[in-house]
N, C-alpha and C. Protein backbone atom coordinates (compact mmCIF):
# COMPACT_ATOMS: atom_id res chain seq x y z
N MET A 1 -4.83 7.95 -37.75
CA MET A 1 -5.57 6.83 -37.19
C MET A 1 -6.88 7.37 -36.63
N GLY A 2 -7.98 6.77 -37.04
CA GLY A 2 -9.28 7.24 -36.57
C GLY A 2 -10.01 6.20 -35.75
N ILE A 3 -10.69 6.67 -34.72
CA ILE A 3 -11.55 5.82 -33.89
C ILE A 3 -12.96 6.37 -34.04
N ALA A 4 -13.89 5.51 -34.40
CA ALA A 4 -15.26 5.98 -34.62
C ALA A 4 -16.25 4.85 -34.34
N PRO A 5 -17.49 5.22 -34.03
CA PRO A 5 -18.54 4.21 -33.93
C PRO A 5 -18.66 3.48 -35.27
N THR A 6 -19.05 2.21 -35.22
CA THR A 6 -19.14 1.42 -36.44
C THR A 6 -20.31 0.45 -36.39
N THR A 7 -20.77 0.07 -37.56
CA THR A 7 -21.72 -1.02 -37.68
C THR A 7 -21.04 -2.22 -38.35
N ASP A 8 -19.75 -2.11 -38.59
CA ASP A 8 -18.97 -3.19 -39.22
C ASP A 8 -18.57 -4.21 -38.15
N LEU A 9 -19.56 -4.99 -37.72
CA LEU A 9 -19.31 -5.93 -36.63
C LEU A 9 -18.37 -7.05 -37.05
N GLU A 10 -18.36 -7.43 -38.31
CA GLU A 10 -17.46 -8.50 -38.74
C GLU A 10 -15.99 -8.12 -38.52
N SER A 11 -15.64 -6.85 -38.77
CA SER A 11 -14.27 -6.41 -38.50
C SER A 11 -13.97 -6.43 -37.01
N CYS A 12 -14.94 -6.01 -36.21
CA CYS A 12 -14.77 -6.05 -34.75
C CYS A 12 -14.56 -7.48 -34.28
N TYR A 13 -15.41 -8.39 -34.76
CA TYR A 13 -15.30 -9.80 -34.36
C TYR A 13 -13.97 -10.40 -34.80
N ALA A 14 -13.51 -10.06 -36.00
CA ALA A 14 -12.24 -10.59 -36.50
C ALA A 14 -11.08 -10.13 -35.61
N LEU A 15 -11.08 -8.87 -35.21
CA LEU A 15 -10.03 -8.36 -34.31
C LEU A 15 -10.09 -9.10 -32.98
N ARG A 16 -11.29 -9.25 -32.44
CA ARG A 16 -11.43 -9.93 -31.15
C ARG A 16 -10.96 -11.38 -31.23
N ARG A 17 -11.29 -12.08 -32.31
CA ARG A 17 -10.81 -13.45 -32.48
C ARG A 17 -9.29 -13.49 -32.50
N LYS A 18 -8.70 -12.58 -33.27
CA LYS A 18 -7.24 -12.56 -33.39
C LYS A 18 -6.57 -12.32 -32.04
N VAL A 19 -7.06 -11.33 -31.28
CA VAL A 19 -6.42 -10.98 -30.01
C VAL A 19 -6.81 -11.94 -28.89
N PHE A 20 -8.10 -12.13 -28.67
CA PHE A 20 -8.54 -12.91 -27.51
C PHE A 20 -8.42 -14.42 -27.70
N VAL A 21 -8.79 -14.91 -28.87
CA VAL A 21 -8.79 -16.36 -29.10
C VAL A 21 -7.40 -16.83 -29.56
N ASP A 22 -6.91 -16.27 -30.67
CA ASP A 22 -5.64 -16.73 -31.24
C ASP A 22 -4.44 -16.38 -30.36
N GLU A 23 -4.39 -15.13 -29.88
CA GLU A 23 -3.22 -14.68 -29.13
C GLU A 23 -3.29 -15.02 -27.64
N GLN A 24 -4.45 -14.77 -27.01
CA GLN A 24 -4.54 -14.92 -25.56
C GLN A 24 -5.17 -16.23 -25.10
N GLY A 25 -5.69 -17.02 -26.02
CA GLY A 25 -6.16 -18.34 -25.67
C GLY A 25 -7.56 -18.45 -25.08
N TYR A 26 -8.37 -17.40 -25.20
CA TYR A 26 -9.76 -17.48 -24.73
C TYR A 26 -10.56 -18.37 -25.69
N SER A 27 -11.67 -18.91 -25.20
CA SER A 27 -12.48 -19.79 -26.05
C SER A 27 -13.24 -18.96 -27.10
N ALA A 28 -13.37 -19.51 -28.28
CA ALA A 28 -14.08 -18.83 -29.36
C ALA A 28 -15.58 -18.79 -29.10
N GLU A 29 -16.10 -19.77 -28.37
CA GLU A 29 -17.55 -19.88 -28.15
C GLU A 29 -18.12 -18.66 -27.45
N GLY A 30 -17.43 -18.11 -26.49
CA GLY A 30 -17.96 -16.98 -25.73
C GLY A 30 -17.61 -15.62 -26.27
N GLU A 31 -16.86 -15.57 -27.34
CA GLU A 31 -16.35 -14.28 -27.81
C GLU A 31 -17.45 -13.38 -28.36
N VAL A 32 -18.36 -13.92 -29.11
CA VAL A 32 -19.52 -13.15 -29.58
C VAL A 32 -20.69 -13.60 -28.73
N ASP A 33 -21.39 -12.64 -28.11
CA ASP A 33 -22.48 -13.01 -27.20
C ASP A 33 -23.73 -12.18 -27.44
N ALA A 34 -24.71 -12.38 -26.60
CA ALA A 34 -26.01 -11.73 -26.77
C ALA A 34 -25.95 -10.22 -26.58
N LEU A 35 -24.90 -9.69 -25.96
CA LEU A 35 -24.78 -8.24 -25.79
C LEU A 35 -24.30 -7.54 -27.06
N ASP A 36 -23.65 -8.26 -27.95
CA ASP A 36 -23.11 -7.63 -29.15
C ASP A 36 -24.16 -6.87 -29.97
N PRO A 37 -25.31 -7.48 -30.29
CA PRO A 37 -26.30 -6.73 -31.08
C PRO A 37 -26.95 -5.58 -30.32
N LEU A 38 -26.79 -5.55 -29.00
CA LEU A 38 -27.39 -4.51 -28.17
C LEU A 38 -26.40 -3.39 -27.83
N SER A 39 -25.16 -3.54 -28.25
CA SER A 39 -24.08 -2.63 -27.87
C SER A 39 -23.71 -1.67 -28.99
N HIS A 40 -23.02 -0.60 -28.59
CA HIS A 40 -22.37 0.31 -29.53
C HIS A 40 -20.95 -0.20 -29.70
N HIS A 41 -20.44 -0.17 -30.92
CA HIS A 41 -19.09 -0.67 -31.19
C HIS A 41 -18.23 0.46 -31.74
N LEU A 42 -16.97 0.45 -31.32
CA LEU A 42 -15.98 1.40 -31.82
C LEU A 42 -14.92 0.62 -32.59
N LEU A 43 -14.41 1.24 -33.63
CA LEU A 43 -13.39 0.60 -34.46
C LEU A 43 -12.35 1.64 -34.83
N ALA A 44 -11.09 1.26 -34.70
CA ALA A 44 -9.98 2.13 -35.10
C ALA A 44 -9.34 1.57 -36.36
N HIS A 45 -9.01 2.46 -37.28
CA HIS A 45 -8.36 2.07 -38.54
C HIS A 45 -7.00 2.75 -38.66
N GLU A 46 -6.09 2.06 -39.30
CA GLU A 46 -4.80 2.62 -39.69
C GLU A 46 -4.60 2.25 -41.15
N ASP A 47 -4.44 3.23 -42.00
CA ASP A 47 -4.29 2.99 -43.45
C ASP A 47 -5.41 2.10 -43.98
N GLY A 48 -6.64 2.32 -43.50
CA GLY A 48 -7.79 1.58 -43.98
C GLY A 48 -7.99 0.20 -43.37
N LEU A 49 -7.06 -0.24 -42.53
CA LEU A 49 -7.17 -1.57 -41.91
C LEU A 49 -7.64 -1.45 -40.47
N PRO A 50 -8.58 -2.31 -40.03
CA PRO A 50 -9.03 -2.31 -38.63
C PRO A 50 -7.89 -2.77 -37.72
N VAL A 51 -7.63 -1.99 -36.65
CA VAL A 51 -6.51 -2.33 -35.75
C VAL A 51 -6.91 -2.39 -34.28
N ALA A 52 -8.10 -1.90 -33.92
CA ALA A 52 -8.52 -1.93 -32.52
C ALA A 52 -10.04 -1.78 -32.45
N THR A 53 -10.62 -2.33 -31.38
CA THR A 53 -12.06 -2.25 -31.21
C THR A 53 -12.43 -2.29 -29.73
N ALA A 54 -13.65 -1.86 -29.45
CA ALA A 54 -14.24 -1.96 -28.11
C ALA A 54 -15.75 -1.88 -28.30
N ARG A 55 -16.47 -2.34 -27.29
CA ARG A 55 -17.93 -2.19 -27.33
C ARG A 55 -18.38 -1.52 -26.05
N VAL A 56 -19.55 -0.86 -26.14
CA VAL A 56 -20.14 -0.17 -25.00
C VAL A 56 -21.60 -0.60 -24.91
N TYR A 57 -21.93 -1.25 -23.82
CA TYR A 57 -23.30 -1.69 -23.57
C TYR A 57 -23.89 -0.76 -22.52
N LEU A 58 -25.03 -0.13 -22.83
CA LEU A 58 -25.66 0.83 -21.94
C LEU A 58 -26.89 0.22 -21.28
N GLU A 59 -26.95 0.36 -19.94
CA GLU A 59 -28.12 -0.14 -19.22
C GLU A 59 -28.26 0.61 -17.90
N ASP A 60 -29.44 1.19 -17.69
CA ASP A 60 -29.77 1.87 -16.43
C ASP A 60 -28.72 2.88 -15.99
N GLY A 61 -28.24 3.71 -16.91
CA GLY A 61 -27.29 4.76 -16.57
C GLY A 61 -25.84 4.31 -16.43
N THR A 62 -25.58 3.03 -16.67
CA THR A 62 -24.23 2.50 -16.60
C THR A 62 -23.79 2.03 -17.97
N ALA A 63 -22.57 2.39 -18.32
CA ALA A 63 -21.97 1.93 -19.58
C ALA A 63 -20.95 0.85 -19.24
N LYS A 64 -21.15 -0.33 -19.78
CA LYS A 64 -20.18 -1.42 -19.59
C LYS A 64 -19.29 -1.46 -20.81
N ILE A 65 -18.03 -1.09 -20.62
CA ILE A 65 -17.05 -1.09 -21.69
C ILE A 65 -16.40 -2.47 -21.71
N GLY A 66 -16.36 -3.08 -22.87
CA GLY A 66 -15.79 -4.43 -22.94
C GLY A 66 -15.23 -4.74 -24.30
N ARG A 67 -14.67 -5.95 -24.37
CA ARG A 67 -14.09 -6.46 -25.61
C ARG A 67 -13.09 -5.47 -26.20
N VAL A 68 -12.33 -4.84 -25.30
CA VAL A 68 -11.32 -3.85 -25.71
C VAL A 68 -10.09 -4.60 -26.20
N CYS A 69 -9.72 -4.40 -27.45
CA CYS A 69 -8.52 -5.06 -27.94
C CYS A 69 -7.83 -4.21 -29.01
N VAL A 70 -6.51 -4.30 -28.99
CA VAL A 70 -5.64 -3.58 -29.92
C VAL A 70 -4.67 -4.61 -30.50
N LEU A 71 -4.51 -4.61 -31.81
CA LEU A 71 -3.54 -5.52 -32.41
C LEU A 71 -2.17 -5.31 -31.79
N ASN A 72 -1.43 -6.39 -31.63
CA ASN A 72 -0.15 -6.37 -30.95
C ASN A 72 0.79 -5.29 -31.49
N THR A 73 0.84 -5.11 -32.78
CA THR A 73 1.78 -4.15 -33.37
C THR A 73 1.40 -2.70 -33.07
N PHE A 74 0.20 -2.46 -32.55
CA PHE A 74 -0.24 -1.09 -32.24
C PHE A 74 -0.31 -0.82 -30.74
N ARG A 75 0.09 -1.79 -29.92
CA ARG A 75 0.09 -1.57 -28.47
C ARG A 75 1.26 -0.66 -28.11
N GLY A 76 1.03 0.16 -27.09
CA GLY A 76 2.07 1.09 -26.66
C GLY A 76 2.12 2.37 -27.47
N THR A 77 1.14 2.57 -28.36
CA THR A 77 1.12 3.75 -29.22
C THR A 77 0.15 4.83 -28.72
N GLY A 78 -0.59 4.52 -27.65
CA GLY A 78 -1.62 5.43 -27.18
C GLY A 78 -2.99 5.11 -27.74
N LEU A 79 -3.05 4.15 -28.66
CA LEU A 79 -4.31 3.78 -29.27
C LEU A 79 -5.30 3.22 -28.26
N GLY A 80 -4.82 2.39 -27.33
CA GLY A 80 -5.71 1.82 -26.31
C GLY A 80 -6.34 2.91 -25.46
N ALA A 81 -5.54 3.88 -25.05
CA ALA A 81 -6.08 5.00 -24.25
C ALA A 81 -7.09 5.78 -25.07
N GLY A 82 -6.80 6.02 -26.33
CA GLY A 82 -7.74 6.72 -27.20
C GLY A 82 -9.05 5.98 -27.34
N LEU A 83 -8.96 4.66 -27.43
CA LEU A 83 -10.14 3.82 -27.55
C LEU A 83 -11.01 3.92 -26.30
N ILE A 84 -10.38 3.88 -25.12
CA ILE A 84 -11.14 3.99 -23.86
C ILE A 84 -11.75 5.38 -23.74
N LEU A 85 -11.01 6.41 -24.08
CA LEU A 85 -11.55 7.77 -24.00
C LEU A 85 -12.73 7.93 -24.96
N ALA A 86 -12.65 7.31 -26.14
CA ALA A 86 -13.77 7.37 -27.10
C ALA A 86 -14.98 6.62 -26.54
N ALA A 87 -14.75 5.50 -25.86
CA ALA A 87 -15.84 4.74 -25.25
C ALA A 87 -16.50 5.54 -24.13
N VAL A 88 -15.69 6.22 -23.32
CA VAL A 88 -16.22 7.05 -22.24
C VAL A 88 -17.02 8.21 -22.82
N ALA A 89 -16.52 8.83 -23.88
CA ALA A 89 -17.25 9.94 -24.53
C ALA A 89 -18.59 9.45 -25.09
N LEU A 90 -18.59 8.28 -25.71
CA LEU A 90 -19.82 7.71 -26.24
C LEU A 90 -20.82 7.48 -25.10
N ALA A 91 -20.32 6.93 -24.00
CA ALA A 91 -21.18 6.68 -22.83
C ALA A 91 -21.78 7.98 -22.31
N ARG A 92 -20.97 9.01 -22.19
CA ARG A 92 -21.47 10.32 -21.73
C ARG A 92 -22.53 10.86 -22.69
N ASP A 93 -22.24 10.76 -23.98
CA ASP A 93 -23.17 11.25 -25.00
C ASP A 93 -24.53 10.57 -24.93
N HIS A 94 -24.55 9.34 -24.43
CA HIS A 94 -25.80 8.58 -24.30
C HIS A 94 -26.38 8.66 -22.89
N GLY A 95 -25.86 9.58 -22.07
CA GLY A 95 -26.45 9.85 -20.76
C GLY A 95 -26.02 8.94 -19.63
N ALA A 96 -25.01 8.12 -19.84
CA ALA A 96 -24.53 7.25 -18.76
C ALA A 96 -23.92 8.09 -17.64
N LYS A 97 -24.11 7.66 -16.43
CA LYS A 97 -23.56 8.34 -15.25
C LYS A 97 -22.32 7.65 -14.71
N ARG A 98 -22.08 6.42 -15.21
CA ARG A 98 -20.98 5.61 -14.69
C ARG A 98 -20.52 4.68 -15.80
N ALA A 99 -19.22 4.47 -15.88
CA ALA A 99 -18.65 3.49 -16.80
C ALA A 99 -17.95 2.42 -15.97
N VAL A 100 -18.14 1.17 -16.36
CA VAL A 100 -17.48 0.05 -15.68
C VAL A 100 -16.80 -0.83 -16.72
N LEU A 101 -15.81 -1.59 -16.27
CA LEU A 101 -15.15 -2.56 -17.14
C LEU A 101 -14.47 -3.59 -16.28
N GLY A 102 -14.24 -4.74 -16.85
CA GLY A 102 -13.48 -5.81 -16.20
C GLY A 102 -12.09 -5.84 -16.79
N ALA A 103 -11.10 -5.42 -16.03
CA ALA A 103 -9.73 -5.29 -16.53
C ALA A 103 -8.91 -6.54 -16.21
N GLN A 104 -8.15 -7.00 -17.19
CA GLN A 104 -7.15 -8.02 -16.88
C GLN A 104 -6.20 -7.40 -15.85
N ILE A 105 -5.78 -8.19 -14.87
CA ILE A 105 -4.99 -7.66 -13.76
C ILE A 105 -3.78 -6.86 -14.23
N HIS A 106 -3.10 -7.33 -15.26
CA HIS A 106 -1.91 -6.60 -15.72
C HIS A 106 -2.25 -5.23 -16.30
N ALA A 107 -3.55 -4.96 -16.59
CA ALA A 107 -3.95 -3.69 -17.19
C ALA A 107 -4.58 -2.72 -16.19
N VAL A 108 -4.65 -3.09 -14.91
CA VAL A 108 -5.30 -2.23 -13.91
C VAL A 108 -4.64 -0.85 -13.87
N GLY A 109 -3.32 -0.79 -13.86
CA GLY A 109 -2.60 0.49 -13.83
C GLY A 109 -2.92 1.36 -15.04
N PHE A 110 -3.05 0.75 -16.20
CA PHE A 110 -3.42 1.47 -17.43
C PHE A 110 -4.76 2.17 -17.24
N TYR A 111 -5.75 1.44 -16.73
CA TYR A 111 -7.08 2.02 -16.53
C TYR A 111 -7.10 3.04 -15.40
N GLU A 112 -6.29 2.84 -14.38
CA GLU A 112 -6.21 3.83 -13.29
C GLU A 112 -5.70 5.17 -13.83
N LYS A 113 -4.75 5.14 -14.76
CA LYS A 113 -4.23 6.38 -15.37
C LYS A 113 -5.31 7.12 -16.14
N LEU A 114 -6.35 6.38 -16.57
CA LEU A 114 -7.46 6.99 -17.31
C LEU A 114 -8.62 7.37 -16.39
N GLY A 115 -8.40 7.25 -15.05
CA GLY A 115 -9.39 7.70 -14.08
C GLY A 115 -10.26 6.63 -13.48
N PHE A 116 -10.11 5.38 -13.90
CA PHE A 116 -10.91 4.29 -13.35
C PHE A 116 -10.37 3.85 -11.99
N SER A 117 -11.28 3.40 -11.12
CA SER A 117 -10.90 2.90 -9.79
C SER A 117 -11.37 1.46 -9.64
N PRO A 118 -10.54 0.61 -9.02
CA PRO A 118 -10.95 -0.78 -8.82
C PRO A 118 -12.03 -0.89 -7.75
N TYR A 119 -12.90 -1.89 -7.91
CA TYR A 119 -13.88 -2.20 -6.87
C TYR A 119 -14.15 -3.71 -6.90
N GLY A 120 -14.59 -4.22 -5.77
CA GLY A 120 -14.92 -5.64 -5.68
C GLY A 120 -13.68 -6.52 -5.64
N ASP A 121 -13.92 -7.80 -5.64
CA ASP A 121 -12.85 -8.79 -5.55
C ASP A 121 -12.32 -9.16 -6.93
N VAL A 122 -11.09 -9.60 -6.98
CA VAL A 122 -10.52 -10.13 -8.21
C VAL A 122 -11.29 -11.41 -8.55
N TYR A 123 -11.58 -11.59 -9.83
CA TYR A 123 -12.30 -12.77 -10.28
C TYR A 123 -11.61 -13.36 -11.50
N ALA A 124 -11.91 -14.62 -11.80
CA ALA A 124 -11.30 -15.28 -12.95
C ALA A 124 -12.27 -15.28 -14.12
N ASP A 125 -11.76 -14.91 -15.29
CA ASP A 125 -12.50 -15.02 -16.54
C ASP A 125 -11.70 -15.98 -17.41
N GLU A 126 -12.20 -17.20 -17.58
CA GLU A 126 -11.49 -18.26 -18.28
C GLU A 126 -10.08 -18.44 -17.72
N GLY A 127 -9.97 -18.37 -16.39
CA GLY A 127 -8.70 -18.59 -15.72
C GLY A 127 -7.82 -17.37 -15.61
N GLU A 128 -8.14 -16.29 -16.29
CA GLU A 128 -7.35 -15.05 -16.25
C GLU A 128 -7.90 -14.13 -15.17
N PRO A 129 -7.05 -13.71 -14.21
CA PRO A 129 -7.54 -12.81 -13.15
C PRO A 129 -7.95 -11.45 -13.72
N HIS A 130 -9.11 -10.98 -13.29
CA HIS A 130 -9.67 -9.69 -13.69
C HIS A 130 -10.09 -8.90 -12.47
N GLN A 131 -10.18 -7.58 -12.64
CA GLN A 131 -10.62 -6.66 -11.59
C GLN A 131 -11.67 -5.73 -12.18
N MET A 132 -12.83 -5.63 -11.53
CA MET A 132 -13.83 -4.65 -11.97
C MET A 132 -13.31 -3.25 -11.64
N MET A 133 -13.59 -2.31 -12.55
CA MET A 133 -13.15 -0.93 -12.36
C MET A 133 -14.30 -0.02 -12.78
N GLU A 134 -14.34 1.18 -12.20
CA GLU A 134 -15.42 2.11 -12.50
C GLU A 134 -14.91 3.54 -12.61
N LEU A 135 -15.70 4.34 -13.32
CA LEU A 135 -15.42 5.75 -13.51
C LEU A 135 -16.75 6.50 -13.44
N SER A 136 -16.84 7.49 -12.56
CA SER A 136 -18.05 8.31 -12.52
C SER A 136 -18.02 9.29 -13.68
N LEU A 137 -19.16 9.42 -14.36
CA LEU A 137 -19.24 10.31 -15.50
C LEU A 137 -20.02 11.55 -15.13
């Protein structure tokens, strides 16, 4: 299974639609936004099929990691952790000093194991509680 930067945005968008819209019930309208063309995208493949993605938006020394999703059948395999580590490495390679992300509340412990710390108040994203988290690079 390989995780690498990609320009295949259609595969990234298809994964995000499947996970966020079809599975988790987020609105399709907000799934692709103005940050997508400005971001770096990562894509993981298994046997040639896209199975996970994330994007990294860089601004003023901060890398905002977002749109992190793994197909249901690949969760619990370590792929999500690999995806986050690849995003952090990409951020470091581009000179970022800090990485931030908005974690769904149930995933806070997952990100803490990868070195992220919560900050700020819990907020709702389309009704789903989220927590901002950060990692110094």
